[in-house]
Amino acid sequence: MRAFSYERVSSIEAAARAAAATDGAKFIAGGTNLLDLMKLEIETPTHLVDVNGLGLDRIEATPEGGLRIGALVRNTDLAADERVRRDYALLSR
């Protein structure tokens, strides 16, 4: 694995700035296989931007009656959500 720098951000804006400021930056969050790909040198980012703490792990109702599924929602949490099971059965399978 090649050397890289790491940064944990506290806002979406900070994540965007961090990624834009460094060539070769990649976002990392739980459930990704980026570290596995880095070990195999398939991916070789120079900087990792950790977005785990940004609250992107929620399923929220929208004013239009739909659902907003955060980028960090786990598949098991999505499949188990009552609203998803009722209104979007394909997603729960």
C-alpha atoms as a PDB file:
ATOM      1  CA  MET A   1       0.000   0.000   0.000  1.00  0.00           C
ATOM      2  CA  ARG A   2       1.291   3.445  -0.897  1.00  0.00           C
ATOM      3  CA  ALA A   3       1.497   6.299   1.568  1.00  0.00           C
ATOM      4  CA  PHE A   4      -1.488   8.643   1.807  1.00  0.00           C
ATOM      5  CA  SER A   5      -2.760  11.433   4.016  1.00  0.00           C
ATOM      6  CA  TYR A   6      -6.042  11.265   5.945  1.00  0.00           C
ATOM      7  CA  GLU A   7      -8.570  13.900   6.959  1.00  0.00           C
ATOM      8  CA  ARG A   8     -11.832  13.591   8.898  1.00  0.00           C
ATOM      9  CA  VAL A   9     -14.229  16.371   7.926  1.00  0.00           C
ATOM     10  CA  SER A  10     -17.126  17.872   9.855  1.00  0.00           C
ATOM     11  CA  SER A  11     -19.296  19.220   7.033  1.00  0.00           C
ATOM     12  CA  ILE A  12     -20.243  18.448   3.460  1.00  0.00           C
ATOM     13  CA  GLU A  13     -18.669  21.739   2.404  1.00  0.00           C
ATOM     14  CA  ALA A  14     -15.385  20.803   4.113  1.00  0.00           C
ATOM     15  CA  ALA A  15     -15.460  17.412   2.374  1.00  0.00           C
ATOM     16  CA  ALA A  16     -15.869  19.061  -1.022  1.00  0.00           C
ATOM     17  CA  ARG A  17     -13.072  21.543  -0.283  1.00  0.00           C
ATOM     18  CA  ALA A  18     -10.731  18.790   0.913  1.00  0.00           C
ATOM     19  CA  ALA A  19     -11.354  16.644  -2.157  1.00  0.00           C
ATOM     20  CA  ALA A  20     -10.958  19.587  -4.525  1.00  0.00           C
ATOM     21  CA  ALA A  21      -7.749  20.770  -2.851  1.00  0.00           C
ATOM     22  CA  THR A  22      -5.779  17.548  -3.384  1.00  0.00           C
ATOM     23  CA  ASP A  23      -5.220  15.736  -6.657  1.00  0.00           C
ATOM     24  CA  GLY A  24      -5.927  12.046  -6.172  1.00  0.00           C
ATOM     25  CA  ALA A  25      -8.209  12.502  -3.156  1.00  0.00           C
ATOM     26  CA  LYS A  26     -10.944   9.920  -2.508  1.00  0.00           C
ATOM     27  CA  PHE A  27     -13.827   9.801  -0.055  1.00  0.00           C
ATOM     28  CA  ILE A  28     -13.892   6.968   2.450  1.00  0.00           C
ATOM     29  CA  ALA A  29     -16.778   5.743   4.581  1.00  0.00           C
ATOM     30  CA  GLY A  30     -17.936   2.590   6.274  1.00  0.00           C
ATOM     31  CA  GLY A  31     -18.807  -0.291   4.024  1.00  0.00           C
ATOM     32  CA  THR A  32     -16.515   0.687   1.174  1.00  0.00           C
ATOM     33  CA  ASN A  33     -13.860  -1.633  -0.137  1.00  0.00           C
ATOM     34  CA  LEU A  34     -11.480   1.213  -0.940  1.00  0.00           C
ATOM     35  CA  LEU A  35      -8.886   0.016   1.591  1.00  0.00           C
ATOM     36  CA  ASP A  36      -8.920  -3.466   0.049  1.00  0.00           C
ATOM     37  CA  LEU A  37      -8.387  -1.929  -3.382  1.00  0.00           C
ATOM     38  CA  MET A  38      -5.571   0.202  -1.983  1.00  0.00           C
ATOM     39  CA  LYS A  39      -3.823  -2.879  -0.562  1.00  0.00           C
ATOM     40  CA  LEU A  40      -3.914  -4.426  -4.033  1.00  0.00           C
ATOM     41  CA  GLU A  41      -2.767  -1.094  -5.538  1.00  0.00           C
ATOM     42  CA  ILE A  42      -5.829  -1.006  -7.788  1.00  0.00           C
ATOM     43  CA  GLU A  43      -6.707   2.319  -6.183  1.00  0.00           C
ATOM     44  CA  THR A  44      -3.867   4.642  -5.172  1.00  0.00           C
ATOM     45  CA  PRO A  45      -5.355   7.793  -3.648  1.00  0.00           C
ATOM     46  CA  THR A  46      -2.981  10.363  -2.247  1.00  0.00           C
ATOM     47  CA  HIS A  47      -5.473  11.653   0.314  1.00  0.00           C
ATOM     48  CA  LEU A  48      -8.492  10.097   2.048  1.00  0.00           C
ATOM     49  CA  VAL A  49     -11.405  12.266   3.126  1.00  0.00           C
ATOM     50  CA  ASP A  50     -13.439  10.503   5.842  1.00  0.00           C
ATOM     51  CA  VAL A  51     -17.154  11.381   5.546  1.00  0.00           C
ATOM     52  CA  ASN A  52     -18.486   8.987   8.199  1.00  0.00           C
ATOM     53  CA  GLY A  53     -19.435  11.776  10.614  1.00  0.00           C
ATOM     54  CA  LEU A  54     -21.557  13.825   8.225  1.00  0.00           C
ATOM     55  CA  GLY A  55     -24.979  12.399   9.076  1.00  0.00           C
ATOM     56  CA  LEU A  56     -25.446  10.856   5.646  1.00  0.00           C
ATOM     57  CA  ASP A  57     -26.758   7.651   7.193  1.00  0.00           C
ATOM     58  CA  ARG A  58     -30.414   8.643   7.518  1.00  0.00           C
ATOM     59  CA  ILE A  59     -33.595   7.794   5.647  1.00  0.00           C
ATOM     60  CA  GLU A  60     -35.853  10.845   5.634  1.00  0.00           C
ATOM     61  CA  ALA A  61     -39.291  11.614   4.228  1.00  0.00           C
ATOM     62  CA  THR A  62     -39.351  14.367   1.604  1.00  0.00           C
ATOM     63  CA  PRO A  63     -42.065  17.032   1.356  1.00  0.00           C
ATOM     64  CA  GLU A  64     -43.154  15.468  -1.949  1.00  0.00           C
ATOM     65  CA  GLY A  65     -43.937  12.162  -0.235  1.00  0.00           C
ATOM     66  CA  GLY A  66     -40.807  10.269  -1.246  1.00  0.00           C
ATOM     67  CA  LEU A  67     -37.739   9.225   0.685  1.00  0.00           C
ATOM     68  CA  ARG A  68     -34.251  10.703   0.768  1.00  0.00           C
ATOM     69  CA  ILE A  69     -31.751   7.914   1.301  1.00  0.00           C
ATOM     70  CA  GLY A  70     -28.416   9.109   2.624  1.00  0.00           C
ATOM     71  CA  ALA A  71     -25.246   7.995   0.871  1.00  0.00           C
ATOM     72  CA  LEU A  72     -24.073   6.137   3.993  1.00  0.00           C
ATOM     73  CA  VAL A  73     -27.291   4.216   4.744  1.00  0.00           C
ATOM     74  CA  ARG A  74     -26.417   0.550   5.167  1.00  0.00           C
ATOM     75  CA  ASN A  75     -28.231  -1.895   2.895  1.00  0.00           C
ATOM     76  CA  THR A  76     -29.595  -3.811   5.890  1.00  0.00           C
ATOM     77  CA  ASP A  77     -30.989  -0.622   7.444  1.00  0.00           C
ATOM     78  CA  LEU A  78     -32.594   0.341   4.138  1.00  0.00           C
ATOM     79  CA  ALA A  79     -34.167  -3.101   3.701  1.00  0.00           C
ATOM     80  CA  ALA A  80     -35.510  -3.092   7.275  1.00  0.00           C
ATOM     81  CA  ASP A  81     -37.028   0.399   7.162  1.00  0.00           C
ATOM     82  CA  GLU A  82     -40.834   0.182   7.450  1.00  0.00           C
ATOM     83  CA  ARG A  83     -41.429   2.891   4.826  1.00  0.00           C
ATOM     84  CA  VAL A  84     -39.118   1.194   2.339  1.00  0.00           C
ATOM     85  CA  ARG A  85     -40.728  -2.208   2.924  1.00  0.00           C
ATOM     86  CA  ARG A  86     -44.196  -0.740   2.448  1.00  0.00           C
ATOM     87  CA  ASP A  87     -43.664   1.678  -0.438  1.00  0.00           C
ATOM     88  CA  TYR A  88     -40.476   0.523  -2.156  1.00  0.00           C
ATOM     89  CA  ALA A  89     -40.468  -3.255  -1.782  1.00  0.00           C
ATOM     90  CA  LEU A  90     -37.890  -3.732  -4.523  1.00  0.00           C
ATOM     91  CA  LEU A  91     -35.322  -1.866  -2.411  1.00  0.00           C
ATOM     92  CA  SER A  92     -35.980  -4.099   0.572  1.00  0.00           C
ATOM     93  CA  ARG A  93     -35.258  -7.254  -1.408  1.00  0.00           C
END
